[in-house]
Amino acid sequence: MWPTLVLSKIQAVTTFTVLEDFVKRIGGDRIEITNLVPSDSDPHIYEPTPQDVKKISKADLIFYKRLRF
């Protein structure tokens, strides 16, 4: 009998909802996403919380977009 291979989902963090949607489409059911800035919040004034830092430290992948003004 062959051993069963169990693959865990990739843990990803996104910084805003557009990236969250993009990553969901690419990752499908193989990825679990935590989005830091909710859709009803302004990402320009986002300040990370200690809980956000903890989520980021546990992630396999982090997706963010940096804008220069």
N, C-alpha and C. Protein backbone atom coordinates (compact mmCIF):
# COMPACT_ATOMS: atom_id res chain seq x y z
N MET A 1 0.84 -1.17 0.00
CA MET A 1 0.00 0.00 0.00
C MET A 1 0.89 1.25 0.00
N TRP A 2 0.54 2.22 -0.83
CA TRP A 2 1.30 3.45 -0.92
C TRP A 2 0.91 4.40 0.20
N PRO A 3 1.87 5.14 0.71
CA PRO A 3 1.53 6.13 1.74
C PRO A 3 0.66 7.25 1.14
N THR A 4 -0.20 7.78 1.94
CA THR A 4 -1.06 8.87 1.51
C THR A 4 -0.33 10.19 1.71
N LEU A 5 -0.31 10.99 0.68
CA LEU A 5 0.33 12.29 0.75
C LEU A 5 -0.73 13.34 1.06
N VAL A 6 -0.55 14.02 2.15
CA VAL A 6 -1.49 15.07 2.53
C VAL A 6 -0.80 16.42 2.35
N LEU A 7 -1.36 17.22 1.47
CA LEU A 7 -0.79 18.55 1.23
C LEU A 7 -1.61 19.58 2.00
N SER A 8 -0.93 20.37 2.79
CA SER A 8 -1.63 21.43 3.50
C SER A 8 -1.75 22.63 2.58
N LYS A 9 -2.75 23.44 2.86
CA LYS A 9 -2.96 24.63 2.05
C LYS A 9 -1.85 25.66 2.32
N ILE A 10 -1.49 26.37 1.29
CA ILE A 10 -0.53 27.45 1.42
C ILE A 10 -1.20 28.59 2.18
N GLN A 11 -0.52 29.10 3.18
CA GLN A 11 -1.04 30.21 3.98
C GLN A 11 -0.51 31.51 3.38
N ALA A 12 -1.43 32.36 2.94
CA ALA A 12 -1.04 33.63 2.31
C ALA A 12 -1.71 34.80 3.01
N VAL A 13 -1.02 35.93 2.99
CA VAL A 13 -1.56 37.18 3.51
C VAL A 13 -1.55 38.19 2.36
N THR A 14 -2.68 38.90 2.21
CA THR A 14 -2.77 39.98 1.24
C THR A 14 -3.04 41.28 1.98
N THR A 15 -2.70 42.39 1.35
CA THR A 15 -2.84 43.67 2.05
C THR A 15 -4.10 44.44 1.68
N PHE A 16 -4.77 44.07 0.60
CA PHE A 16 -6.05 44.69 0.29
C PHE A 16 -6.85 43.77 -0.63
N THR A 17 -8.14 44.09 -0.79
CA THR A 17 -9.08 43.15 -1.40
C THR A 17 -8.80 42.84 -2.87
N VAL A 18 -8.25 43.78 -3.62
CA VAL A 18 -7.94 43.50 -5.03
C VAL A 18 -6.91 42.38 -5.12
N LEU A 19 -5.89 42.45 -4.28
CA LEU A 19 -4.88 41.37 -4.26
C LEU A 19 -5.50 40.07 -3.76
N GLU A 20 -6.38 40.16 -2.77
CA GLU A 20 -7.04 38.96 -2.25
C GLU A 20 -7.80 38.25 -3.37
N ASP A 21 -8.57 38.98 -4.17
CA ASP A 21 -9.32 38.38 -5.29
C ASP A 21 -8.37 37.75 -6.30
N PHE A 22 -7.29 38.44 -6.62
CA PHE A 22 -6.30 37.94 -7.57
C PHE A 22 -5.70 36.62 -7.09
N VAL A 23 -5.27 36.60 -5.84
CA VAL A 23 -4.63 35.40 -5.28
C VAL A 23 -5.63 34.24 -5.20
N LYS A 24 -6.88 34.53 -4.85
CA LYS A 24 -7.92 33.48 -4.82
C LYS A 24 -8.09 32.83 -6.18
N ARG A 25 -8.10 33.64 -7.23
CA ARG A 25 -8.26 33.10 -8.58
C ARG A 25 -7.08 32.22 -9.00
N ILE A 26 -5.89 32.61 -8.61
CA ILE A 26 -4.70 31.84 -8.97
C ILE A 26 -4.57 30.59 -8.09
N GLY A 27 -4.74 30.76 -6.78
CA GLY A 27 -4.51 29.67 -5.84
C GLY A 27 -5.64 28.67 -5.72
N GLY A 28 -6.85 29.12 -5.99
CA GLY A 28 -8.00 28.22 -5.91
C GLY A 28 -8.14 27.58 -4.54
N ASP A 29 -8.37 26.28 -4.53
CA ASP A 29 -8.57 25.57 -3.26
C ASP A 29 -7.26 25.13 -2.61
N ARG A 30 -6.14 25.52 -3.20
CA ARG A 30 -4.84 25.14 -2.63
C ARG A 30 -4.25 26.21 -1.72
N ILE A 31 -4.99 27.30 -1.52
CA ILE A 31 -4.45 28.40 -0.75
C ILE A 31 -5.50 28.91 0.25
N GLU A 32 -5.03 29.31 1.41
CA GLU A 32 -5.88 29.93 2.42
C GLU A 32 -5.37 31.36 2.61
N ILE A 33 -6.28 32.33 2.42
CA ILE A 33 -5.87 33.73 2.39
C ILE A 33 -6.41 34.49 3.59
N THR A 34 -5.54 35.29 4.17
CA THR A 34 -5.92 36.26 5.19
C THR A 34 -5.67 37.64 4.60
N ASN A 35 -6.73 38.45 4.54
CA ASN A 35 -6.60 39.80 4.02
C ASN A 35 -6.56 40.77 5.20
N LEU A 36 -5.60 41.67 5.20
CA LEU A 36 -5.41 42.56 6.34
C LEU A 36 -6.33 43.78 6.36
N VAL A 37 -6.58 44.37 5.19
CA VAL A 37 -7.38 45.59 5.14
C VAL A 37 -8.76 45.26 4.55
N PRO A 38 -9.81 45.34 5.35
CA PRO A 38 -11.15 45.01 4.86
C PRO A 38 -11.59 45.95 3.74
N SER A 39 -12.58 45.52 2.97
CA SER A 39 -13.03 46.30 1.82
C SER A 39 -13.63 47.65 2.21
N ASP A 40 -14.12 47.77 3.43
CA ASP A 40 -14.71 49.04 3.85
C ASP A 40 -13.71 49.96 4.56
N SER A 41 -12.43 49.64 4.48
CA SER A 41 -11.38 50.44 5.11
C SER A 41 -10.50 51.10 4.05
N ASP A 42 -9.84 52.16 4.43
CA ASP A 42 -8.93 52.86 3.53
C ASP A 42 -7.52 52.30 3.70
N PRO A 43 -6.97 51.66 2.68
CA PRO A 43 -5.62 51.09 2.81
C PRO A 43 -4.54 52.15 2.99
N HIS A 44 -4.83 53.40 2.66
CA HIS A 44 -3.84 54.46 2.81
C HIS A 44 -3.60 54.84 4.26
N ILE A 45 -4.54 54.52 5.13
CA ILE A 45 -4.38 54.88 6.54
C ILE A 45 -4.27 53.64 7.44
N TYR A 46 -4.09 52.50 6.81
CA TYR A 46 -3.97 51.23 7.56
C TYR A 46 -2.74 51.24 8.46
N GLU A 47 -2.94 50.80 9.67
CA GLU A 47 -1.84 50.62 10.62
C GLU A 47 -1.89 49.17 11.10
N PRO A 48 -0.82 48.41 10.92
CA PRO A 48 -0.85 47.01 11.35
C PRO A 48 -1.01 46.87 12.86
N THR A 49 -1.77 45.86 13.24
CA THR A 49 -1.96 45.55 14.65
C THR A 49 -1.01 44.43 15.04
N PRO A 50 -0.82 44.18 16.32
CA PRO A 50 -0.01 43.03 16.73
C PRO A 50 -0.54 41.71 16.16
N GLN A 51 -1.87 41.59 16.02
CA GLN A 51 -2.46 40.38 15.44
C GLN A 51 -2.09 40.26 13.96
N ASP A 52 -2.04 41.39 13.25
CA ASP A 52 -1.63 41.37 11.84
C ASP A 52 -0.19 40.91 11.70
N VAL A 53 0.67 41.39 12.56
CA VAL A 53 2.08 40.99 12.53
C VAL A 53 2.20 39.49 12.76
N LYS A 54 1.40 38.97 13.66
CA LYS A 54 1.40 37.53 13.94
C LYS A 54 0.96 36.73 12.70
N LYS A 55 -0.09 37.21 12.03
CA LYS A 55 -0.57 36.55 10.81
C LYS A 55 0.50 36.55 9.73
N ILE A 56 1.16 37.69 9.58
CA ILE A 56 2.22 37.81 8.57
C ILE A 56 3.37 36.86 8.89
N SER A 57 3.73 36.75 10.15
CA SER A 57 4.87 35.90 10.52
C SER A 57 4.59 34.42 10.29
N LYS A 58 3.32 34.03 10.27
CA LYS A 58 2.95 32.63 10.06
C LYS A 58 2.68 32.30 8.59
N ALA A 59 2.67 33.31 7.73
CA ALA A 59 2.32 33.10 6.32
C ALA A 59 3.45 32.46 5.54
N ASP A 60 3.07 31.66 4.55
CA ASP A 60 4.03 31.12 3.60
C ASP A 60 4.36 32.15 2.52
N LEU A 61 3.33 32.94 2.16
CA LEU A 61 3.48 33.96 1.13
C LEU A 61 2.81 35.25 1.58
N ILE A 62 3.38 36.38 1.18
CA ILE A 62 2.80 37.69 1.47
C ILE A 62 2.70 38.45 0.15
N PHE A 63 1.49 38.94 -0.13
CA PHE A 63 1.26 39.70 -1.35
C PHE A 63 0.93 41.13 -0.95
N TYR A 64 1.68 42.08 -1.47
CA TYR A 64 1.42 43.48 -1.18
C TYR A 64 1.77 44.32 -2.39
N LYS A 65 1.21 45.51 -2.44
CA LYS A 65 1.50 46.46 -3.50
C LYS A 65 1.97 47.73 -2.83
N ARG A 66 3.12 48.17 -3.20
CA ARG A 66 3.68 49.40 -2.63
C ARG A 66 3.56 50.50 -3.67
N LEU A 67 2.94 51.58 -3.27
CA LEU A 67 2.79 52.73 -4.15
C LEU A 67 3.67 53.86 -3.67
N ARG A 68 4.25 54.56 -4.59
CA ARG A 68 5.03 55.74 -4.26
C ARG A 68 4.25 56.96 -4.67
N PHE A 69 4.16 57.92 -3.78
CA PHE A 69 3.44 59.16 -4.08
C PHE A 69 4.41 60.31 -4.07
